[in-house]
C-alpha atoms as a PDB file:
ATOM      1  CA  MET A   1       0.002   0.001   0.000  1.00  0.00           C
ATOM      2  CA  ALA A   2       1.292   3.469  -0.922  1.00  0.00           C
ATOM      3  CA  LEU A   3       2.129   6.002   1.740  1.00  0.00           C
ATOM      4  CA  ASN A   4      -0.074   9.017   2.348  1.00  0.00           C
ATOM      5  CA  LEU A   5       2.220  12.056   2.074  1.00  0.00           C
ATOM      6  CA  THR A   6      -0.429  14.620   3.087  1.00  0.00           C
ATOM      7  CA  GLY A   7       1.096  17.326   5.260  1.00  0.00           C
ATOM      8  CA  LEU A   8       3.150  20.486   5.503  1.00  0.00           C
ATOM      9  CA  TYR A   9       6.925  20.185   5.391  1.00  0.00           C
ATOM     10  CA  HIS A  10       9.638  22.840   5.906  1.00  0.00           C
ATOM     11  CA  MET A  11      13.057  22.497   4.285  1.00  0.00           C
ATOM     12  CA  VAL A  12      15.914  21.723   6.650  1.00  0.00           C
ATOM     13  CA  SER A  13      18.768  21.136   4.170  1.00  0.00           C
ATOM     14  CA  GLN A  14      19.774  21.073   0.529  1.00  0.00           C
ATOM     15  CA  GLU A  15      22.771  19.919  -1.492  1.00  0.00           C
ATOM     16  CA  ASN A  16      24.058  20.714  -4.999  1.00  0.00           C
ATOM     17  CA  MET A  17      21.183  23.043  -5.949  1.00  0.00           C
ATOM     18  CA  ASP A  18      23.352  25.513  -7.888  1.00  0.00           C
ATOM     19  CA  ALA A  19      24.758  22.775 -10.150  1.00  0.00           C
ATOM     20  CA  TYR A  20      21.256  21.380 -10.726  1.00  0.00           C
ATOM     21  CA  LEU A  21      19.894  24.808 -11.694  1.00  0.00           C
ATOM     22  CA  HIS A  22      22.920  25.417 -13.929  1.00  0.00           C
ATOM     23  CA  ALA A  23      22.147  22.149 -15.762  1.00  0.00           C
ATOM     24  CA  LEU A  24      18.633  23.542 -16.367  1.00  0.00           C
ATOM     25  CA  ASP A  25      20.223  26.678 -17.936  1.00  0.00           C
ATOM     26  CA  ILE A  26      18.970  28.968 -15.153  1.00  0.00           C
ATOM     27  CA  ASN A  27      20.890  32.267 -15.140  1.00  0.00           C
ATOM     28  CA  ILE A  28      23.313  32.955 -12.314  1.00  0.00           C
ATOM     29  CA  ALA A  29      21.245  35.723 -10.689  1.00  0.00           C
ATOM     30  CA  LEU A  30      18.168  33.500 -10.386  1.00  0.00           C
ATOM     31  CA  ARG A  31      20.313  30.557  -9.222  1.00  0.00           C
ATOM     32  CA  LYS A  32      21.692  32.675  -6.373  1.00  0.00           C
ATOM     33  CA  ILE A  33      18.170  33.661  -5.286  1.00  0.00           C
ATOM     34  CA  VAL A  34      16.828  30.110  -5.461  1.00  0.00           C
ATOM     35  CA  CYS A  35      19.765  28.745  -3.454  1.00  0.00           C
ATOM     36  CA  LEU A  36      18.942  31.185  -0.630  1.00  0.00           C
ATOM     37  CA  LEU A  37      15.265  30.194  -0.435  1.00  0.00           C
ATOM     38  CA  ARG A  38      13.941  27.845   2.250  1.00  0.00           C
ATOM     39  CA  PRO A  39      10.830  26.371   0.582  1.00  0.00           C
ATOM     40  CA  SER A  40       7.985  24.541   2.227  1.00  0.00           C
ATOM     41  CA  LYS A  41       6.052  21.669   0.642  1.00  0.00           C
ATOM     42  CA  GLU A  42       2.319  21.391   1.117  1.00  0.00           C
ATOM     43  CA  ILE A  43       1.104  17.995  -0.065  1.00  0.00           C
ATOM     44  CA  THR A  44      -2.490  16.863  -0.413  1.00  0.00           C
ATOM     45  CA  HIS A  45      -2.785  13.194  -1.280  1.00  0.00           C
ATOM     46  CA  ASP A  46      -5.841  10.991  -1.693  1.00  0.00           C
ATOM     47  CA  PRO A  47      -4.514   7.406  -1.752  1.00  0.00           C
ATOM     48  CA  GLU A  48      -7.907   6.038  -2.864  1.00  0.00           C
ATOM     49  CA  THR A  49      -8.133   8.087  -6.081  1.00  0.00           C
ATOM     50  CA  GLY A  50      -4.389   8.615  -6.638  1.00  0.00           C
ATOM     51  CA  HIS A  51      -4.900  12.376  -6.888  1.00  0.00           C
ATOM     52  CA  MET A  52      -2.108  14.585  -5.517  1.00  0.00           C
ATOM     53  CA  LYS A  53      -1.304  18.265  -5.208  1.00  0.00           C
ATOM     54  CA  ILE A  54       2.222  19.331  -4.333  1.00  0.00           C
ATOM     55  CA  ARG A  55       2.670  23.026  -3.627  1.00  0.00           C
ATOM     56  CA  THR A  56       6.204  24.373  -3.266  1.00  0.00           C
ATOM     57  CA  LEU A  57       5.938  27.626  -1.320  1.00  0.00           C
ATOM     58  CA  THR A  58       8.620  30.317  -1.087  1.00  0.00           C
ATOM     59  CA  THR A  59       8.809  34.042  -0.424  1.00  0.00           C
ATOM     60  CA  PHE A  60       9.914  34.500  -4.059  1.00  0.00           C
ATOM     61  CA  ARG A  61       7.596  32.303  -6.132  1.00  0.00           C
ATOM     62  CA  ASN A  62       5.249  29.362  -5.608  1.00  0.00           C
ATOM     63  CA  PHE A  63       4.928  26.301  -7.814  1.00  0.00           C
ATOM     64  CA  ASP A  64       1.915  23.965  -7.930  1.00  0.00           C
ATOM     65  CA  MET A  65       1.653  20.431  -9.303  1.00  0.00           C
ATOM     66  CA  ASP A  66      -1.805  18.860  -9.575  1.00  0.00           C
ATOM     67  CA  PHE A  67      -1.917  15.329 -11.001  1.00  0.00           C
ATOM     68  CA  THR A  68      -3.206  11.780 -10.820  1.00  0.00           C
ATOM     69  CA  LEU A  69      -0.675   9.061 -10.139  1.00  0.00           C
ATOM     70  CA  GLY A  70       0.268   6.986 -13.185  1.00  0.00           C
ATOM     71  CA  LYS A  71      -1.318   9.368 -15.716  1.00  0.00           C
ATOM     72  CA  GLU A  72       0.917  11.413 -18.027  1.00  0.00           C
ATOM     73  CA  PHE A  73       0.149  15.132 -18.177  1.00  0.00           C
ATOM     74  CA  ALA A  74       1.592  18.292 -19.732  1.00  0.00           C
ATOM     75  CA  GLU A  75       3.466  20.072 -16.944  1.00  0.00           C
ATOM     76  CA  ASP A  76       4.084  23.790 -17.314  1.00  0.00           C
ATOM     77  CA  LEU A  77       7.449  24.466 -15.679  1.00  0.00           C
ATOM     78  CA  GLY A  78       7.277  28.165 -16.577  1.00  0.00           C
ATOM     79  CA  PRO A  79       7.820  29.286 -12.975  1.00  0.00           C
ATOM     80  CA  VAL A  80      10.903  27.057 -12.771  1.00  0.00           C
ATOM     81  CA  ASP A  81      12.692  27.189 -16.132  1.00  0.00           C
ATOM     82  CA  GLY A  82      10.166  28.194 -18.795  1.00  0.00           C
ATOM     83  CA  ARG A  83       9.770  24.700 -20.245  1.00  0.00           C
ATOM     84  CA  VAL A  84       6.806  22.397 -20.750  1.00  0.00           C
ATOM     85  CA  CYS A  85       7.324  18.659 -20.471  1.00  0.00           C
ATOM     86  CA  GLN A  86       5.306  15.452 -20.426  1.00  0.00           C
ATOM     87  CA  THR A  87       5.282  14.263 -16.826  1.00  0.00           C
ATOM     88  CA  THR A  88       4.308  11.020 -15.126  1.00  0.00           C
ATOM     89  CA  VAL A  89       4.384  10.526 -11.342  1.00  0.00           C
ATOM     90  CA  ASP A  90       3.871   7.128  -9.752  1.00  0.00           C
ATOM     91  CA  TRP A  91       5.012   4.901  -6.899  1.00  0.00           C
ATOM     92  CA  GLU A  92       8.049   2.668  -7.249  1.00  0.00           C
ATOM     93  CA  GLY A  93       7.994   0.728  -4.011  1.00  0.00           C
ATOM     94  CA  ASP A  94       7.906   3.313  -1.201  1.00  0.00           C
ATOM     95  CA  LYS A  95       9.259   6.128  -3.407  1.00  0.00           C
ATOM     96  CA  LEU A  96       7.203   8.636  -5.382  1.00  0.00           C
ATOM     97  CA  VAL A  97       8.980   8.913  -8.738  1.00  0.00           C
ATOM     98  CA  CYS A  98       8.495  11.623 -11.367  1.00  0.00           C
ATOM     99  CA  VAL A  99       9.711  11.322 -14.963  1.00  0.00           C
ATOM    100  CA  GLN A 100       9.719  14.544 -17.000  1.00  0.00           C
ATOM    101  CA  LYS A 101      10.146  14.127 -20.776  1.00  0.00           C
ATOM    102  CA  GLY A 102      11.183  17.210 -22.717  1.00  0.00           C
ATOM    103  CA  GLU A 103      14.221  19.008 -24.048  1.00  0.00           C
ATOM    104  CA  LYS A 104      16.401  18.116 -21.035  1.00  0.00           C
ATOM    105  CA  GLU A 105      17.413  14.454 -20.772  1.00  0.00           C
ATOM    106  CA  ASN A 106      17.039  12.302 -17.669  1.00  0.00           C
ATOM    107  CA  ARG A 107      14.940  14.896 -15.865  1.00  0.00           C
ATOM    108  CA  GLY A 108      12.758  14.084 -12.884  1.00  0.00           C
ATOM    109  CA  TRP A 109      12.591  13.739  -9.128  1.00  0.00           C
ATOM    110  CA  MET A 110      11.906  11.286  -6.340  1.00  0.00           C
ATOM    111  CA  HIS A 111      10.251  11.756  -2.910  1.00  0.00           C
ATOM    112  CA  TRP A 112      10.467   9.332   0.001  1.00  0.00           C
ATOM    113  CA  VAL A 113       9.869   9.473   3.740  1.00  0.00           C
ATOM    114  CA  GLU A 114      12.156   8.468   6.601  1.00  0.00           C
ATOM    115  CA  GLY A 115      10.493   9.097   9.958  1.00  0.00           C
ATOM    116  CA  ASP A 116       9.233  12.710   9.934  1.00  0.00           C
ATOM    117  CA  LEU A 117      11.587  13.697   7.085  1.00  0.00           C
ATOM    118  CA  LEU A 118      10.520  14.037   3.451  1.00  0.00           C
ATOM    119  CA  HIS A 119      13.427  13.582   1.044  1.00  0.00           C
ATOM    120  CA  LEU A 120      13.496  15.048  -2.453  1.00  0.00           C
ATOM    121  CA  GLU A 121      16.105  14.080  -5.021  1.00  0.00           C
ATOM    122  CA  MET A 122      16.006  16.077  -8.274  1.00  0.00           C
ATOM    123  CA  ARG A 123      17.989  15.091 -11.352  1.00  0.00           C
ATOM    124  CA  VAL A 124      18.699  16.365 -14.824  1.00  0.00           C
ATOM    125  CA  GLN A 125      21.403  15.305 -17.300  1.00  0.00           C
ATOM    126  CA  GLY A 126      23.356  13.399 -14.651  1.00  0.00           C
ATOM    127  CA  VAL A 127      23.298  16.216 -12.054  1.00  0.00           C
ATOM    128  CA  VAL A 128      21.567  15.419  -8.748  1.00  0.00           C
ATOM    129  CA  ALA A 129      20.379  17.868  -6.086  1.00  0.00           C
ATOM    130  CA  LYS A 130      18.854  16.888  -2.763  1.00  0.00           C
ATOM    131  CA  GLN A 131      16.533  18.605  -0.334  1.00  0.00           C
ATOM    132  CA  VAL A 132      15.218  17.374   3.019  1.00  0.00           C
ATOM    133  CA  PHE A 133      12.010  18.624   4.622  1.00  0.00           C
ATOM    134  CA  LYS A 134      10.686  18.088   8.155  1.00  0.00           C
ATOM    135  CA  LYS A 135       6.962  17.444   8.626  1.00  0.00           C
ATOM    136  CA  VAL A 136       5.415  20.193  10.751  1.00  0.00           C
ATOM    137  CA  LYS A 137       1.708  19.458  10.269  1.00  0.00           C
END
């Protein structure tokens, strides 16, 4: 049975974000801003229907994902890097895995939980960045 990730999480650490953003062709000024942000994740998850909403909240810009597990959808990444890609999110064991098909190869992310920590691993073209969030609600 899949985990229910519903909750509010605040970031406690991140690694390699600048290199990840550079691989996405984000300009240096925006990379510096993003690396200073301490985002929160607000996740609403209905395990029965497979519907999820993941809101990434910052003082600079918010980003919303609204999807059904296992169903491909057109994801507008305009707030992130101006691209649109075909995205599929589904469970692989106890990890929530996202595959984003578009102009950047091997792009996607993975969420998993260890205790009250939500881990996020983002990848693109062989570059991996990691963030860890603590559940607060």
